Amino acid sequence: QRRELAEKLFTNVLALSLQMYGCRVIQKAIEVVDLDQKIKMVIELDGHVMRCVRDQNGNHVVQKCIECVPEENIEFIISTFFGQVVILSTHPYGCRVIQRVLEHCHNPDTQSK
């Protein structure tokens, strides 16, 4: 049933992530669905990461991606922050995302950047 529900979310991940109640559904899905579906959901955010980070709802989805998806599958998210760390660290929502990176991303290259 979870797989079937997740299938219904595909192609709508970005729109739901930016919506007050939809972001909660996407966060929960990222927590509980199988890894292959998590990866498929997260890829839908490619090219829209900073938009989500700066959004009051979307930032929670990005945080959940960092918490629940292996680092090697969210490199496009992490690389978006390179060169932006100071700006994000002083942003009301961006600071939360940077905190999640520091907590969950253990690759030395990621940490050094």
Protein backbone atom coordinates (compact mmCIF):
# COMPACT_ATOMS: atom_id res chain seq x y z
CA GLN A 1 0.00 0.00 0.00
CA ARG A 2 2.85 2.38 0.78
CA ARG A 3 4.36 1.78 -2.63
CA GLU A 4 1.04 2.49 -4.32
CA LEU A 5 0.54 5.69 -2.32
CA ALA A 6 4.06 6.83 -3.15
CA GLU A 7 3.39 6.24 -6.84
CA LYS A 8 0.53 8.75 -6.61
CA LEU A 9 2.93 11.41 -5.30
CA PHE A 10 5.38 11.16 -8.20
CA THR A 11 5.41 14.21 -10.50
CA ASN A 12 3.86 16.27 -7.69
CA VAL A 13 6.71 16.29 -5.17
CA LEU A 14 7.82 19.90 -5.75
CA ALA A 15 4.30 21.35 -5.70
CA LEU A 16 3.41 19.42 -2.55
CA SER A 17 6.70 20.34 -0.88
CA LEU A 18 5.86 24.03 -1.21
CA GLN A 19 2.35 23.60 0.18
CA MET A 20 1.48 23.83 3.89
CA TYR A 21 -0.11 20.40 4.25
CA GLY A 22 1.48 18.73 1.24
CA CYS A 23 4.94 19.20 2.71
CA ARG A 24 3.91 17.05 5.66
CA VAL A 25 2.80 14.26 3.33
CA ILE A 26 6.08 14.39 1.41
CA GLN A 27 8.10 14.40 4.65
CA LYS A 28 6.28 11.34 5.93
CA ALA A 29 6.65 9.57 2.59
CA ILE A 30 10.41 10.23 2.60
CA GLU A 31 10.54 8.68 6.07
CA VAL A 32 8.63 5.49 5.33
CA VAL A 33 8.85 4.48 1.65
CA ASP A 34 11.50 2.17 0.20
CA LEU A 35 14.84 3.64 -0.81
CA ASP A 36 14.19 3.41 -4.54
CA GLN A 37 11.04 5.52 -4.13
CA LYS A 38 12.78 8.00 -1.81
CA ILE A 39 15.40 8.55 -4.48
CA LYS A 40 12.75 9.00 -7.17
CA MET A 41 10.95 11.60 -5.02
CA VAL A 42 14.09 13.51 -4.13
CA ILE A 43 15.21 13.74 -7.76
CA GLU A 44 12.07 15.76 -8.49
CA LEU A 45 13.57 18.56 -6.39
CA ASP A 46 16.68 18.80 -8.60
CA GLY A 47 16.97 22.37 -9.87
CA HIS A 48 14.62 23.67 -7.17
CA VAL A 49 16.65 23.08 -4.01
CA MET A 50 17.29 26.73 -3.11
CA ARG A 51 13.66 27.60 -3.77
CA CYS A 52 12.66 24.88 -1.30
CA VAL A 53 15.28 25.87 1.28
CA ARG A 54 14.00 29.46 1.29
CA ASP A 55 10.36 28.37 1.54
CA GLN A 56 8.65 28.02 4.92
CA ASN A 57 7.29 24.60 3.92
CA GLY A 58 9.85 23.35 1.44
CA ASN A 59 12.76 23.68 3.85
CA HIS A 60 11.25 20.94 6.00
CA VAL A 61 11.22 18.59 3.01
CA VAL A 62 14.88 19.33 2.23
CA GLN A 63 15.75 18.67 5.88
CA LYS A 64 13.93 15.33 5.72
CA CYS A 65 15.81 14.41 2.53
CA ILE A 66 19.11 15.06 4.30
CA GLU A 67 18.00 13.02 7.32
CA CYS A 68 16.53 10.01 5.50
CA VAL A 69 18.24 9.59 2.14
CA PRO A 70 21.83 8.34 1.86
CA GLU A 71 24.32 11.10 1.18
CA GLU A 72 25.41 9.61 -2.15
CA ASN A 73 21.82 9.95 -3.44
CA ILE A 74 21.43 13.63 -2.51
CA GLU A 75 24.72 15.00 -3.83
CA PHE A 76 22.80 17.43 -6.04
CA ILE A 77 21.21 18.89 -2.88
CA ILE A 78 24.46 19.15 -0.95
CA SER A 79 26.41 20.63 -3.88
CA THR A 80 23.79 23.39 -4.16
CA PHE A 81 25.00 24.68 -0.79
CA PHE A 82 28.68 24.91 -1.73
CA GLY A 83 29.63 28.58 -1.66
CA GLN A 84 26.30 29.46 0.00
CA VAL A 85 26.94 28.26 3.54
CA VAL A 86 27.31 31.69 5.17
CA ILE A 87 24.22 33.06 3.43
CA LEU A 88 22.17 29.99 4.34
CA SER A 89 23.49 29.93 7.91
CA THR A 90 22.05 33.39 8.49
CA HIS A 91 18.70 32.65 6.82
CA PRO A 92 15.75 31.69 9.08
CA TYR A 93 15.12 28.44 7.17
CA GLY A 94 18.51 27.90 5.58
CA CYS A 95 20.18 27.62 8.98
CA ARG A 96 18.08 24.54 9.74
CA VAL A 97 19.14 22.90 6.51
CA ILE A 98 22.82 23.57 7.19
CA GLN A 99 22.37 22.06 10.67
CA ARG A 100 20.98 18.86 9.10
CA VAL A 101 23.97 18.68 6.73
CA LEU A 102 26.36 18.96 9.66
CA GLU A 103 24.45 16.25 11.55
CA HIS A 104 23.89 13.73 8.75
CA CYS A 105 26.52 14.19 6.04
CA HIS A 106 29.76 12.57 7.12
CA ASN A 107 31.73 12.72 3.88
CA PRO A 108 34.92 14.70 4.71
CA ASP A 109 34.69 16.59 1.41
CA THR A 110 31.16 17.72 2.24
CA GLN A 111 32.11 18.76 5.75
CA SER A 112 35.15 20.74 4.56
CA LYS A 113 33.11 22.73 2.04
